[in-house]
Amino acid sequence: MYGFILDIKMVLADLGRRLSSALRNLSNATIINEQVLNEALGEICRALLEADVNVHLVKQLRENVK
């Protein structure tokens, strides 16, 4: 049981780091154009999928942001 909780904490910590990194890159961009936004959105979606977030939810997020 302890191993499972540790795994969840690690996944959430990694997800948090990756989301923070994507948002930091977006905020550091001189100009936010479609390319910069697509790169950030791609990083966010990959992080969510690797954290086992439902594919349909990630797809819906991508469509809502665009």
C-alpha atoms as a PDB file:
ATOM      1  CA  MET A   1       0.000   0.000   0.000  1.00  0.00           C
ATOM      2  CA  TYR A   2       2.794   2.411   0.887  1.00  0.00           C
ATOM      3  CA  GLY A   3       4.459   1.789  -2.493  1.00  0.00           C
ATOM      4  CA  PHE A   4       1.237   2.688  -4.284  1.00  0.00           C
ATOM      5  CA  ILE A   5       0.931   5.990  -2.420  1.00  0.00           C
ATOM      6  CA  LEU A   6       4.571   6.759  -3.127  1.00  0.00           C
ATOM      7  CA  ASP A   7       3.993   6.077  -6.848  1.00  0.00           C
ATOM      8  CA  ILE A   8       1.013   8.450  -6.890  1.00  0.00           C
ATOM      9  CA  LYS A   9       3.049  11.168  -5.177  1.00  0.00           C
ATOM     10  CA  MET A  10       5.836  10.729  -7.710  1.00  0.00           C
ATOM     11  CA  VAL A  11       3.415  10.913 -10.650  1.00  0.00           C
ATOM     12  CA  LEU A  12       1.770  14.043  -9.248  1.00  0.00           C
ATOM     13  CA  ALA A  13       5.127  15.674  -8.523  1.00  0.00           C
ATOM     14  CA  ASP A  14       6.327  14.951 -12.059  1.00  0.00           C
ATOM     15  CA  LEU A  15       3.057  16.230 -13.518  1.00  0.00           C
ATOM     16  CA  GLY A  16       3.357  19.416 -11.479  1.00  0.00           C
ATOM     17  CA  ARG A  17       6.931  19.986 -12.638  1.00  0.00           C
ATOM     18  CA  ARG A  18       6.021  19.442 -16.278  1.00  0.00           C
ATOM     19  CA  LEU A  19       2.957  21.691 -16.142  1.00  0.00           C
ATOM     20  CA  SER A  20       4.979  24.410 -14.399  1.00  0.00           C
ATOM     21  CA  SER A  21       7.701  24.119 -17.016  1.00  0.00           C
ATOM     22  CA  ALA A  22       5.235  24.412 -19.897  1.00  0.00           C
ATOM     23  CA  LEU A  23       3.575  27.458 -18.338  1.00  0.00           C
ATOM     24  CA  ARG A  24       6.953  29.034 -17.546  1.00  0.00           C
ATOM     25  CA  ASN A  25       8.028  28.599 -21.176  1.00  0.00           C
ATOM     26  CA  LEU A  26       4.771  30.185 -22.281  1.00  0.00           C
ATOM     27  CA  SER A  27       5.189  33.146 -19.929  1.00  0.00           C
ATOM     28  CA  ASN A  28       8.828  33.637 -20.992  1.00  0.00           C
ATOM     29  CA  ALA A  29       7.919  33.860 -24.672  1.00  0.00           C
ATOM     30  CA  THR A  30       8.436  37.322 -26.132  1.00  0.00           C
ATOM     31  CA  ILE A  31       5.455  36.882 -28.437  1.00  0.00           C
ATOM     32  CA  ILE A  32       2.741  34.317 -27.896  1.00  0.00           C
ATOM     33  CA  ASN A  33       1.792  33.179 -31.361  1.00  0.00           C
ATOM     34  CA  GLU A  34       0.106  30.009 -32.563  1.00  0.00           C
ATOM     35  CA  GLN A  35       3.385  28.070 -32.651  1.00  0.00           C
ATOM     36  CA  VAL A  36       4.310  28.949 -29.056  1.00  0.00           C
ATOM     37  CA  LEU A  37       0.797  28.142 -27.873  1.00  0.00           C
ATOM     38  CA  ASN A  38       0.790  24.801 -29.725  1.00  0.00           C
ATOM     39  CA  GLU A  39       4.154  23.860 -28.199  1.00  0.00           C
ATOM     40  CA  ALA A  40       2.941  24.647 -24.680  1.00  0.00           C
ATOM     41  CA  LEU A  41      -0.345  22.847 -25.258  1.00  0.00           C
ATOM     42  CA  GLY A  42       1.524  19.829 -26.627  1.00  0.00           C
ATOM     43  CA  GLU A  43       3.774  19.700 -23.557  1.00  0.00           C
ATOM     44  CA  ILE A  44       0.766  19.960 -21.248  1.00  0.00           C
ATOM     45  CA  CYS A  45      -1.152  17.239 -23.096  1.00  0.00           C
ATOM     46  CA  ARG A  46       1.858  14.890 -23.107  1.00  0.00           C
ATOM     47  CA  ALA A  47       2.337  15.409 -19.377  1.00  0.00           C
ATOM     48  CA  LEU A  48      -1.332  14.686 -18.696  1.00  0.00           C
ATOM     49  CA  LEU A  49      -1.323  11.555 -20.859  1.00  0.00           C
ATOM     50  CA  GLU A  50       1.833  10.251 -19.196  1.00  0.00           C
ATOM     51  CA  ALA A  51       0.102  10.798 -15.841  1.00  0.00           C
ATOM     52  CA  ASP A  52      -2.691   8.508 -17.112  1.00  0.00           C
ATOM     53  CA  VAL A  53      -5.312  11.217 -17.530  1.00  0.00           C
ATOM     54  CA  ASN A  54      -8.170   9.997 -19.720  1.00  0.00           C
ATOM     55  CA  VAL A  55      -7.394  10.501 -23.418  1.00  0.00           C
ATOM     56  CA  HIS A  56     -10.842  11.942 -24.119  1.00  0.00           C
ATOM     57  CA  LEU A  57     -10.402  14.550 -21.369  1.00  0.00           C
ATOM     58  CA  VAL A  58      -7.018  15.587 -22.757  1.00  0.00           C
ATOM     59  CA  LYS A  59      -8.495  15.828 -26.257  1.00  0.00           C
ATOM     60  CA  GLN A  60     -11.367  17.935 -24.940  1.00  0.00           C
ATOM     61  CA  LEU A  61      -8.914  20.227 -23.132  1.00  0.00           C
ATOM     62  CA  ARG A  62      -6.902  20.681 -26.334  1.00  0.00           C
ATOM     63  CA  GLU A  63     -10.035  21.510 -28.326  1.00  0.00           C
ATOM     64  CA  ASN A  64     -11.297  23.958 -25.680  1.00  0.00           C
ATOM     65  CA  VAL A  65      -7.996  25.819 -25.553  1.00  0.00           C
ATOM     66  CA  LYS A  66      -7.798  26.119 -29.320  1.00  0.00           C
END
